[in-house]
C-alpha cells in the first residue's frame, strides 16, 4: 500500500475528543460552534476553528511524549465534523495563511509514533482500515493528553494562557528539555 493512499484514507477521518474539554479548552480558545465569518467578532479567541486547538493539544502530547486514552463511554466523545483533509486548507478570517503542510507533519509523526506493523500492511496481511484506526488512536490519545495538560494549567491559573507568548513558551520548554537530556546522556570521557 502506498503511503500517499494511507495518507488520503487518514485525511478523510475526523478525530474524536472528550466532551469534557469542550467548554474548558476548545470553546475557551477557539470559535468552535460559532460559525464565525468575516463580519463576526471573535471576542479574544486565540484560534478560529476548534481543530486548531486540537492540533496544539496534539503537539503538546507528542512533544511531551504523553498519551491519554479516551474515555470508553461513547456518549462522552465528540468530533469536530471536519475531516483532517480540510484542516487549515484556506486562509483564515483572522489573517492566518493556509497551513496544508502541517497535516503532512502530523501524519509523519503518527507513522513514527504509532505501534503498528506497516510492513504487514504493505504485504496486505492487515487492512488499511486497521492502520488508519491505529493512527487515529495515537492522534486522539496525544491530543487528549494535551487537552488534559491545558486544562490543568487553567485550573492552577485561569489566566495562564492569556498572554501573547503562553503557547510559545510551552513549546520552547520542549527544546530546553531535550537539550538538558542530551547533556545528561553524554558518555563519560575515556581519559
N, C-alpha and C. Protein backbone atom coordinates (compact mmCIF):
# COMPACT_ATOMS: atom_id res chain seq x y z
N UNK A 1 0.85 -1.18 0.00
CA UNK A 1 0.00 0.00 0.00
C UNK A 1 0.90 1.24 0.00
N UNK A 2 0.62 2.15 -0.86
CA UNK A 2 1.42 3.39 -0.96
C UNK A 2 1.10 4.30 0.22
N UNK A 3 2.13 4.99 0.70
CA UNK A 3 1.96 5.91 1.83
C UNK A 3 0.94 7.00 1.49
N UNK A 4 0.94 7.46 0.24
CA UNK A 4 0.01 8.51 -0.15
C UNK A 4 -1.43 8.03 0.00
N UNK A 5 -1.70 6.79 -0.38
CA UNK A 5 -3.06 6.28 -0.24
C UNK A 5 -3.44 6.19 1.24
N UNK A 6 -2.53 5.73 2.07
CA UNK A 6 -2.80 5.66 3.50
C UNK A 6 -3.04 7.07 4.04
N UNK A 7 -2.25 8.03 3.59
CA UNK A 7 -2.43 9.43 3.98
C UNK A 7 -3.84 9.90 3.61
N UNK A 8 -4.27 9.62 2.39
CA UNK A 8 -5.59 10.05 1.94
C UNK A 8 -6.70 9.43 2.79
N UNK A 9 -6.56 8.15 3.14
CA UNK A 9 -7.56 7.50 3.98
C UNK A 9 -7.59 8.12 5.37
N UNK A 10 -6.42 8.40 5.92
CA UNK A 10 -6.33 9.05 7.22
C UNK A 10 -6.95 10.45 7.17
N UNK A 11 -6.64 11.19 6.11
CA UNK A 11 -7.10 12.58 5.99
C UNK A 11 -8.62 12.69 5.86
N UNK A 12 -9.27 11.62 5.47
CA UNK A 12 -10.74 11.63 5.37
C UNK A 12 -11.42 11.43 6.72
N UNK A 13 -10.62 11.09 7.71
CA UNK A 13 -11.18 10.82 9.04
C UNK A 13 -11.31 12.10 9.85
N UNK A 14 -12.03 11.97 10.94
CA UNK A 14 -12.34 13.08 11.82
C UNK A 14 -12.06 12.63 13.25
N UNK A 15 -10.96 13.08 13.86
CA UNK A 15 -10.61 12.57 15.19
C UNK A 15 -11.63 12.93 16.27
N UNK A 16 -11.67 12.07 17.26
CA UNK A 16 -12.57 12.26 18.39
C UNK A 16 -11.83 12.92 19.55
N UNK A 17 -12.61 13.50 20.44
CA UNK A 17 -12.09 14.11 21.66
C UNK A 17 -13.17 14.02 22.73
N UNK A 18 -12.75 14.16 23.97
CA UNK A 18 -13.69 14.05 25.08
C UNK A 18 -14.48 15.34 25.25
N UNK A 19 -15.81 15.20 25.36
CA UNK A 19 -16.70 16.36 25.51
C UNK A 19 -16.34 17.21 26.73
N UNK A 20 -15.72 16.61 27.72
CA UNK A 20 -15.38 17.36 28.94
C UNK A 20 -14.48 18.55 28.66
N UNK A 21 -13.76 18.54 27.52
CA UNK A 21 -12.86 19.64 27.19
C UNK A 21 -13.52 20.71 26.30
N UNK A 22 -14.78 20.49 25.95
CA UNK A 22 -15.45 21.42 25.05
C UNK A 22 -15.50 22.84 25.60
N UNK A 23 -15.97 22.99 26.82
CA UNK A 23 -16.08 24.34 27.39
C UNK A 23 -14.76 24.84 27.97
N UNK A 24 -14.07 23.96 28.71
CA UNK A 24 -12.87 24.39 29.42
C UNK A 24 -11.70 24.71 28.49
N UNK A 25 -11.59 24.02 27.37
CA UNK A 25 -10.45 24.24 26.48
C UNK A 25 -10.90 24.69 25.08
N UNK A 26 -11.70 23.89 24.41
CA UNK A 26 -11.99 24.15 22.99
C UNK A 26 -12.74 25.47 22.80
N UNK A 27 -13.85 25.65 23.47
CA UNK A 27 -14.60 26.90 23.32
C UNK A 27 -13.89 28.07 23.99
N UNK A 28 -13.08 27.78 24.96
CA UNK A 28 -12.33 28.81 25.66
C UNK A 28 -11.30 29.48 24.73
N UNK A 29 -10.72 28.70 23.83
CA UNK A 29 -9.65 29.22 22.98
C UNK A 29 -10.01 29.35 21.51
N UNK A 30 -11.14 28.81 21.10
CA UNK A 30 -11.48 28.85 19.67
C UNK A 30 -12.91 29.32 19.45
N UNK A 31 -13.22 29.55 18.20
CA UNK A 31 -14.57 29.95 17.81
C UNK A 31 -15.44 28.74 17.50
N UNK A 32 -15.12 27.60 18.07
CA UNK A 32 -15.84 26.36 17.81
C UNK A 32 -17.33 26.53 18.08
N UNK A 33 -18.12 26.15 17.08
CA UNK A 33 -19.57 26.19 17.21
C UNK A 33 -20.20 27.55 17.00
N UNK A 34 -19.41 28.54 16.61
CA UNK A 34 -19.95 29.88 16.46
C UNK A 34 -20.22 30.28 15.01
N UNK A 35 -19.64 29.56 14.06
CA UNK A 35 -19.84 29.92 12.65
C UNK A 35 -19.32 31.31 12.35
N UNK A 36 -18.14 31.65 12.82
CA UNK A 36 -17.57 32.99 12.64
C UNK A 36 -17.33 33.28 11.16
N UNK A 37 -17.68 34.48 10.77
CA UNK A 37 -17.46 34.94 9.40
C UNK A 37 -16.59 36.18 9.45
N UNK A 38 -16.33 36.76 8.30
CA UNK A 38 -15.53 37.98 8.25
C UNK A 38 -16.21 39.11 9.01
N UNK A 39 -17.53 39.03 9.15
CA UNK A 39 -18.26 40.07 9.86
C UNK A 39 -18.36 39.79 11.36
N UNK A 40 -18.01 38.55 11.76
CA UNK A 40 -18.14 38.17 13.16
C UNK A 40 -17.02 38.71 14.01
N UNK A 41 -17.27 38.77 15.30
CA UNK A 41 -16.28 39.23 16.26
C UNK A 41 -15.83 38.03 17.08
N UNK A 42 -14.54 37.72 17.04
CA UNK A 42 -14.01 36.54 17.71
C UNK A 42 -13.92 36.72 19.23
N UNK A 43 -14.08 37.91 19.74
CA UNK A 43 -14.08 38.19 21.17
C UNK A 43 -12.88 37.58 21.90
N UNK A 44 -11.69 37.85 21.40
CA UNK A 44 -10.47 37.45 22.08
C UNK A 44 -10.06 36.00 21.93
N UNK A 45 -10.68 35.25 21.07
CA UNK A 45 -10.30 33.86 20.89
C UNK A 45 -8.95 33.78 20.19
N UNK A 46 -8.12 32.86 20.62
CA UNK A 46 -6.79 32.70 20.04
C UNK A 46 -6.82 31.93 18.73
N UNK A 47 -7.79 31.04 18.58
CA UNK A 47 -7.85 30.17 17.41
C UNK A 47 -9.22 30.28 16.75
N UNK A 48 -9.26 30.00 15.47
CA UNK A 48 -10.52 30.03 14.73
C UNK A 48 -11.29 28.74 14.97
N UNK A 49 -11.11 27.79 14.09
CA UNK A 49 -11.83 26.52 14.18
C UNK A 49 -11.37 25.72 15.40
N UNK A 50 -12.24 24.88 15.91
CA UNK A 50 -11.91 24.05 17.06
C UNK A 50 -10.74 23.12 16.81
N UNK A 51 -10.58 22.68 15.56
CA UNK A 51 -9.48 21.76 15.29
C UNK A 51 -8.11 22.42 15.48
N UNK A 52 -8.06 23.74 15.48
CA UNK A 52 -6.77 24.41 15.69
C UNK A 52 -6.25 24.17 17.11
N UNK A 53 -7.12 24.22 18.11
CA UNK A 53 -6.67 23.92 19.47
C UNK A 53 -6.42 22.43 19.61
N UNK A 54 -7.13 21.60 18.84
CA UNK A 54 -6.85 20.16 18.83
C UNK A 54 -5.41 19.92 18.35
N UNK A 55 -5.01 20.63 17.30
CA UNK A 55 -3.64 20.50 16.76
C UNK A 55 -2.63 20.89 17.83
N UNK A 56 -2.88 21.99 18.53
CA UNK A 56 -1.99 22.42 19.60
C UNK A 56 -1.90 21.35 20.68
N UNK A 57 -3.06 20.82 21.10
CA UNK A 57 -3.09 19.79 22.13
C UNK A 57 -2.34 18.54 21.65
N UNK A 58 -2.51 18.18 20.38
CA UNK A 58 -1.80 17.03 19.82
C UNK A 58 -0.29 17.22 19.94
N UNK A 59 0.21 18.39 19.54
CA UNK A 59 1.65 18.62 19.58
C UNK A 59 2.17 18.70 21.01
N UNK A 60 1.37 19.18 21.94
CA UNK A 60 1.79 19.17 23.34
C UNK A 60 1.97 17.73 23.80
N UNK A 61 0.97 16.89 23.53
CA UNK A 61 1.09 15.47 23.90
C UNK A 61 2.26 14.80 23.20
N UNK A 62 2.43 15.09 21.92
CA UNK A 62 3.51 14.49 21.14
C UNK A 62 4.88 14.87 21.70
N UNK A 63 5.09 16.16 21.93
CA UNK A 63 6.40 16.61 22.38
C UNK A 63 6.70 16.24 23.83
N UNK A 64 5.68 16.10 24.65
CA UNK A 64 5.89 15.58 25.98
C UNK A 64 5.94 14.04 25.96
N UNK A 65 5.62 13.47 24.80
CA UNK A 65 5.56 12.02 24.59
C UNK A 65 4.63 11.37 25.61
N UNK A 66 3.45 11.99 25.76
CA UNK A 66 2.45 11.51 26.71
C UNK A 66 1.13 11.29 25.97
N UNK A 67 0.55 10.14 26.25
CA UNK A 67 -0.75 9.81 25.66
C UNK A 67 -1.74 9.52 26.77
N UNK A 68 -3.00 9.78 26.48
CA UNK A 68 -4.07 9.51 27.44
C UNK A 68 -5.25 8.94 26.67
N UNK A 69 -5.60 7.69 27.00
CA UNK A 69 -6.69 7.02 26.32
C UNK A 69 -7.99 7.80 26.50
N UNK A 70 -8.79 7.85 25.45
CA UNK A 70 -10.10 8.49 25.55
C UNK A 70 -11.01 7.63 26.42
N UNK A 71 -11.95 8.28 27.05
CA UNK A 71 -12.93 7.61 27.89
C UNK A 71 -13.69 6.57 27.05
N UNK A 72 -14.08 5.47 27.68
CA UNK A 72 -14.77 4.40 26.95
C UNK A 72 -16.23 4.71 26.63
N UNK A 73 -16.83 5.64 27.34
CA UNK A 73 -18.24 5.98 27.15
C UNK A 73 -18.41 6.83 25.89
N UNK A 74 -18.95 6.23 24.83
CA UNK A 74 -19.07 6.92 23.54
C UNK A 74 -20.01 8.12 23.59
N UNK A 75 -20.87 8.20 24.60
CA UNK A 75 -21.76 9.36 24.73
C UNK A 75 -20.99 10.60 25.21
N UNK A 76 -19.76 10.39 25.68
CA UNK A 76 -18.93 11.49 26.18
C UNK A 76 -17.80 11.82 25.22
N UNK A 77 -17.95 11.36 23.99
CA UNK A 77 -16.94 11.58 22.94
C UNK A 77 -17.59 12.42 21.83
N UNK A 78 -16.80 13.27 21.21
CA UNK A 78 -17.31 14.15 20.16
C UNK A 78 -16.24 14.31 19.08
N UNK A 79 -16.64 14.80 17.91
CA UNK A 79 -15.68 15.15 16.86
C UNK A 79 -16.08 16.53 16.31
N UNK A 80 -15.18 17.11 15.53
CA UNK A 80 -15.44 18.46 15.01
C UNK A 80 -16.33 18.46 13.77
N UNK A 81 -16.51 17.32 13.13
CA UNK A 81 -17.31 17.27 11.92
C UNK A 81 -16.56 17.79 10.71
N UNK A 82 -15.27 17.94 10.84
CA UNK A 82 -14.43 18.46 9.76
C UNK A 82 -13.29 17.46 9.54
N UNK A 83 -13.30 16.71 8.44
CA UNK A 83 -12.20 15.77 8.19
C UNK A 83 -10.85 16.48 8.14
N UNK A 84 -9.83 15.77 8.51
CA UNK A 84 -8.47 16.31 8.57
C UNK A 84 -8.06 16.94 7.25
N UNK A 85 -8.50 16.39 6.13
CA UNK A 85 -8.09 16.90 4.82
C UNK A 85 -8.47 18.37 4.60
N UNK A 86 -9.40 18.88 5.39
CA UNK A 86 -9.81 20.28 5.25
C UNK A 86 -9.21 21.19 6.31
N UNK A 87 -8.46 20.63 7.24
CA UNK A 87 -7.87 21.43 8.30
C UNK A 87 -6.83 22.37 7.71
N UNK A 88 -7.00 23.65 7.93
CA UNK A 88 -6.02 24.65 7.51
C UNK A 88 -5.86 24.78 6.02
N UNK A 89 -6.90 24.46 5.25
CA UNK A 89 -6.76 24.48 3.79
C UNK A 89 -7.12 25.83 3.15
N UNK A 90 -7.62 26.77 3.95
CA UNK A 90 -7.91 28.10 3.39
C UNK A 90 -7.37 29.16 4.34
N UNK A 91 -7.18 30.34 3.80
CA UNK A 91 -6.73 31.45 4.65
C UNK A 91 -7.84 31.77 5.64
N UNK A 92 -7.44 32.11 6.84
CA UNK A 92 -8.38 32.35 7.93
C UNK A 92 -8.93 33.76 7.90
N UNK A 93 -10.11 33.90 8.52
CA UNK A 93 -10.69 35.23 8.67
C UNK A 93 -9.88 36.07 9.65
N UNK A 94 -9.00 35.41 10.41
CA UNK A 94 -8.17 36.13 11.38
C UNK A 94 -6.82 36.52 10.78
N UNK A 95 -6.68 36.37 9.46
CA UNK A 95 -5.44 36.76 8.81
C UNK A 95 -4.39 35.66 8.74
N UNK A 96 -4.71 34.48 9.23
CA UNK A 96 -3.76 33.37 9.13
C UNK A 96 -3.74 32.84 7.72
N UNK A 97 -2.59 32.37 7.30
CA UNK A 97 -2.45 31.75 5.99
C UNK A 97 -2.77 30.27 6.10
N UNK A 98 -3.16 29.66 4.99
CA UNK A 98 -3.43 28.22 4.96
C UNK A 98 -2.17 27.47 5.39
N UNK A 99 -2.35 26.33 6.01
CA UNK A 99 -1.21 25.56 6.50
C UNK A 99 -1.37 24.07 6.17
N UNK A 100 -1.43 23.75 4.87
CA UNK A 100 -1.63 22.35 4.48
C UNK A 100 -0.46 21.43 4.86
N UNK A 101 0.75 21.95 4.92
CA UNK A 101 1.91 21.13 5.25
C UNK A 101 1.82 20.58 6.67
N UNK A 102 1.13 21.28 7.55
CA UNK A 102 1.01 20.83 8.93
C UNK A 102 0.34 19.45 9.00
N UNK A 103 -0.64 19.21 8.13
CA UNK A 103 -1.28 17.89 8.09
C UNK A 103 -0.25 16.81 7.77
N UNK A 104 0.65 17.10 6.85
CA UNK A 104 1.69 16.13 6.49
C UNK A 104 2.63 15.88 7.67
N UNK A 105 2.97 16.93 8.42
CA UNK A 105 3.84 16.78 9.58
C UNK A 105 3.16 15.91 10.64
N UNK A 106 1.87 16.14 10.85
CA UNK A 106 1.12 15.34 11.82
C UNK A 106 1.12 13.88 11.39
N UNK A 107 0.84 13.63 10.12
CA UNK A 107 0.80 12.26 9.60
C UNK A 107 2.16 11.58 9.78
N UNK A 108 3.23 12.29 9.44
CA UNK A 108 4.58 11.74 9.58
C UNK A 108 4.87 11.38 11.03
N UNK A 109 4.51 12.26 11.96
CA UNK A 109 4.70 11.98 13.38
C UNK A 109 3.90 10.76 13.80
N UNK A 110 2.69 10.64 13.28
CA UNK A 110 1.85 9.49 13.64
C UNK A 110 2.45 8.18 13.12
N UNK A 111 2.99 8.20 11.92
CA UNK A 111 3.62 6.99 11.38
C UNK A 111 4.80 6.59 12.29
N UNK A 112 5.58 7.58 12.72
CA UNK A 112 6.74 7.31 13.57
C UNK A 112 6.34 6.84 14.97
N UNK A 113 5.24 7.33 15.50
CA UNK A 113 4.88 7.08 16.89
C UNK A 113 3.82 6.00 17.10
N UNK A 114 3.22 5.51 16.03
CA UNK A 114 2.17 4.51 16.17
C UNK A 114 2.78 3.11 16.13
N UNK A 115 2.43 2.32 17.12
CA UNK A 115 2.91 0.94 17.19
C UNK A 115 2.02 0.09 16.28
N UNK A 116 2.46 -0.02 15.04
CA UNK A 116 1.68 -0.78 14.05
C UNK A 116 2.65 -1.39 13.06
N UNK A 117 2.34 -2.57 12.58
CA UNK A 117 3.18 -3.26 11.61
C UNK A 117 2.82 -2.79 10.19
N UNK A 118 3.47 -1.73 9.75
CA UNK A 118 3.20 -1.18 8.43
C UNK A 118 3.72 -2.08 7.32
N UNK A 119 4.67 -2.95 7.63
CA UNK A 119 5.14 -3.91 6.63
C UNK A 119 4.04 -4.93 6.36
N UNK A 120 3.33 -5.35 7.41
CA UNK A 120 2.19 -6.26 7.23
C UNK A 120 1.12 -5.60 6.37
N UNK A 121 0.95 -4.30 6.53
CA UNK A 121 0.00 -3.56 5.70
C UNK A 121 0.45 -3.60 4.24
N UNK A 122 1.73 -3.36 4.02
CA UNK A 122 2.28 -3.38 2.66
C UNK A 122 2.12 -4.76 2.01
N UNK A 123 2.18 -5.80 2.81
CA UNK A 123 2.03 -7.18 2.31
C UNK A 123 0.56 -7.62 2.28
N UNK A 124 -0.35 -6.70 2.56
CA UNK A 124 -1.79 -6.97 2.58
C UNK A 124 -2.19 -8.03 3.61
N UNK A 125 -1.44 -8.09 4.71
CA UNK A 125 -1.77 -9.01 5.79
C UNK A 125 -2.75 -8.38 6.79
N UNK A 126 -2.84 -7.05 6.75
CA UNK A 126 -3.81 -6.30 7.55
C UNK A 126 -4.45 -5.26 6.64
N UNK A 127 -5.60 -4.78 7.03
CA UNK A 127 -6.31 -3.81 6.20
C UNK A 127 -5.83 -2.39 6.45
N UNK A 128 -6.04 -1.56 5.46
CA UNK A 128 -5.72 -0.14 5.60
C UNK A 128 -6.57 0.47 6.70
N UNK A 129 -7.78 -0.01 6.85
CA UNK A 129 -8.68 0.48 7.90
C UNK A 129 -8.06 0.30 9.29
N UNK A 130 -7.45 -0.87 9.52
CA UNK A 130 -6.80 -1.12 10.81
C UNK A 130 -5.63 -0.16 11.02
N UNK A 131 -4.89 0.12 9.97
CA UNK A 131 -3.76 1.05 10.06
C UNK A 131 -4.25 2.45 10.39
N UNK A 132 -5.29 2.90 9.70
CA UNK A 132 -5.83 4.24 9.95
C UNK A 132 -6.43 4.31 11.35
N UNK A 133 -7.10 3.25 11.79
CA UNK A 133 -7.63 3.22 13.15
C UNK A 133 -6.51 3.39 14.18
N UNK A 134 -5.39 2.73 13.95
CA UNK A 134 -4.24 2.84 14.86
C UNK A 134 -3.67 4.26 14.84
N UNK A 135 -3.56 4.85 13.65
CA UNK A 135 -3.07 6.23 13.54
C UNK A 135 -4.00 7.19 14.27
N UNK A 136 -5.30 7.01 14.09
CA UNK A 136 -6.28 7.89 14.74
C UNK A 136 -6.22 7.75 16.26
N UNK A 137 -6.07 6.52 16.74
CA UNK A 137 -5.99 6.31 18.18
C UNK A 137 -4.78 7.04 18.75
N UNK A 138 -3.65 6.94 18.07
CA UNK A 138 -2.44 7.64 18.52
C UNK A 138 -2.68 9.14 18.54
N UNK A 139 -3.26 9.65 17.48
CA UNK A 139 -3.53 11.09 17.37
C UNK A 139 -4.46 11.56 18.49
N UNK A 140 -5.54 10.83 18.69
CA UNK A 140 -6.51 11.19 19.71
C UNK A 140 -5.92 11.12 21.11
N UNK A 141 -5.09 10.13 21.37
CA UNK A 141 -4.50 9.98 22.70
C UNK A 141 -3.48 11.08 23.00
N UNK A 142 -2.67 11.46 22.02
CA UNK A 142 -1.75 12.58 22.23
C UNK A 142 -2.54 13.87 22.48
N UNK A 143 -3.56 14.11 21.66
CA UNK A 143 -4.38 15.32 21.84
C UNK A 143 -5.10 15.29 23.18
N UNK A 144 -5.59 14.14 23.58
CA UNK A 144 -6.30 14.03 24.85
C UNK A 144 -5.38 14.38 26.01
N UNK A 145 -4.14 13.92 25.95
CA UNK A 145 -3.19 14.29 27.00
C UNK A 145 -2.92 15.80 26.95
N UNK A 146 -2.80 16.35 25.75
CA UNK A 146 -2.59 17.79 25.60
C UNK A 146 -3.75 18.60 26.16
N UNK A 147 -4.99 18.16 25.90
CA UNK A 147 -6.15 18.84 26.47
C UNK A 147 -6.10 18.79 28.00
N UNK A 148 -5.75 17.63 28.52
CA UNK A 148 -5.65 17.48 29.98
C UNK A 148 -4.59 18.43 30.53
N UNK A 149 -3.45 18.53 29.86
CA UNK A 149 -2.37 19.43 30.25
C UNK A 149 -2.85 20.88 30.28
N UNK A 150 -3.53 21.29 29.20
CA UNK A 150 -4.03 22.67 29.10
C UNK A 150 -5.04 22.94 30.21
N UNK A 151 -5.97 22.00 30.41
CA UNK A 151 -6.99 22.18 31.45
C UNK A 151 -6.34 22.28 32.84
N UNK A 152 -5.35 21.45 33.12
CA UNK A 152 -4.64 21.52 34.41
C UNK A 152 -4.00 22.88 34.61
N UNK A 153 -3.37 23.41 33.55
CA UNK A 153 -2.76 24.74 33.66
C UNK A 153 -3.81 25.79 33.98
N UNK A 154 -4.98 25.67 33.36
CA UNK A 154 -6.07 26.63 33.60
C UNK A 154 -6.64 26.50 35.01
N UNK A 155 -6.68 25.29 35.53
CA UNK A 155 -7.17 25.09 36.90
C UNK A 155 -6.21 25.75 37.88
N UNK A 156 -4.90 25.55 37.66
CA UNK A 156 -3.89 26.16 38.53
C UNK A 156 -3.87 27.68 38.42
N UNK A 157 -4.05 28.19 37.20
CA UNK A 157 -4.01 29.63 36.96
C UNK A 157 -4.92 29.95 35.77
N UNK A 158 -6.14 30.41 36.02
CA UNK A 158 -7.08 30.68 34.93
C UNK A 158 -6.57 31.66 33.87
N UNK A 159 -5.58 32.45 34.20
CA UNK A 159 -5.03 33.42 33.25
C UNK A 159 -3.74 32.93 32.58
N UNK A 160 -3.36 31.70 32.81
CA UNK A 160 -2.09 31.17 32.33
C UNK A 160 -1.87 31.41 30.83
N UNK A 161 -2.89 31.17 30.03
CA UNK A 161 -2.74 31.26 28.57
C UNK A 161 -3.11 32.63 28.01
N UNK A 162 -3.43 33.57 28.89
CA UNK A 162 -3.87 34.87 28.40
C UNK A 162 -2.75 35.91 28.37
N UNK A 163 -1.66 35.49 27.79
CA UNK A 163 -0.59 36.41 27.43
C UNK A 163 -0.10 35.94 26.06
N UNK A 164 0.41 36.84 25.30
CA UNK A 164 0.73 36.58 23.89
C UNK A 164 1.60 35.35 23.66
N UNK A 165 2.53 35.10 24.53
CA UNK A 165 3.52 34.05 24.28
C UNK A 165 3.28 32.77 25.06
N UNK A 166 2.13 32.59 25.66
CA UNK A 166 1.89 31.44 26.54
C UNK A 166 2.11 30.10 25.83
N UNK A 167 1.49 29.89 24.69
CA UNK A 167 1.67 28.61 23.99
C UNK A 167 3.09 28.49 23.46
N UNK A 168 3.66 29.57 22.99
CA UNK A 168 5.04 29.56 22.52
C UNK A 168 5.97 29.12 23.64
N UNK A 169 5.76 29.65 24.83
CA UNK A 169 6.62 29.29 25.96
C UNK A 169 6.54 27.80 26.28
N UNK A 170 5.36 27.22 26.15
CA UNK A 170 5.23 25.77 26.37
C UNK A 170 6.07 25.02 25.34
N UNK A 171 5.96 25.43 24.08
CA UNK A 171 6.72 24.74 23.04
C UNK A 171 8.22 24.97 23.19
N UNK A 172 8.62 26.10 23.70
CA UNK A 172 10.04 26.35 23.92
C UNK A 172 10.60 25.49 25.04
N UNK A 173 9.77 25.08 25.98
CA UNK A 173 10.25 24.19 27.04
C UNK A 173 10.63 22.83 26.48
N UNK A 174 10.02 22.42 25.38
CA UNK A 174 10.38 21.14 24.76
C UNK A 174 11.83 21.16 24.34
N UNK A 175 12.27 22.26 23.74
CA UNK A 175 13.65 22.38 23.29
C UNK A 175 14.59 22.38 24.49
N UNK A 176 14.23 23.09 25.54
CA UNK A 176 15.07 23.14 26.73
C UNK A 176 15.16 21.76 27.37
N UNK A 177 14.06 21.03 27.40
CA UNK A 177 14.04 19.69 27.97
C UNK A 177 14.93 18.75 27.17
N UNK A 178 14.84 18.80 25.84
CA UNK A 178 15.65 17.91 25.01
C UNK A 178 17.12 18.27 25.11
N UNK A 179 17.46 19.56 25.24
CA UNK A 179 18.85 19.97 25.41
C UNK A 179 19.41 19.44 26.71
N UNK A 180 18.63 19.51 27.78
CA UNK A 180 19.06 19.00 29.07
C UNK A 180 19.27 17.49 29.00
N UNK A 181 18.37 16.79 28.33
CA UNK A 181 18.51 15.35 28.19
C UNK A 181 19.76 15.00 27.41
N UNK A 182 20.03 15.74 26.35
CA UNK A 182 21.21 15.47 25.54
C UNK A 182 22.47 15.66 26.36
N UNK A 183 22.53 16.70 27.19
CA UNK A 183 23.69 16.94 28.03
C UNK A 183 23.85 15.83 29.06
N UNK A 184 22.75 15.39 29.66
CA UNK A 184 22.80 14.35 30.67
C UNK A 184 23.18 12.99 30.08
N UNK A 185 22.84 12.76 28.83
CA UNK A 185 23.11 11.48 28.19
C UNK A 185 24.50 11.37 27.59
N UNK A 186 25.30 12.41 27.74
CA UNK A 186 26.64 12.41 27.16
C UNK A 186 27.49 11.36 27.86
N UNK A 187 28.20 10.53 27.09
CA UNK A 187 29.01 9.47 27.70
C UNK A 187 30.19 10.05 28.47
N UNK A 188 30.65 9.29 29.45
CA UNK A 188 31.81 9.71 30.24
C UNK A 188 33.05 9.66 29.37
N UNK A 189 34.00 10.50 29.70
CA UNK A 189 35.26 10.54 28.98
C UNK A 189 36.05 9.27 29.25
N UNK A 190 36.75 8.79 28.26
CA UNK A 190 37.58 7.60 28.42
C UNK A 190 38.97 7.94 28.95
N UNK A 191 39.27 9.22 29.12
CA UNK A 191 40.59 9.63 29.62
C UNK A 191 40.76 9.34 31.07
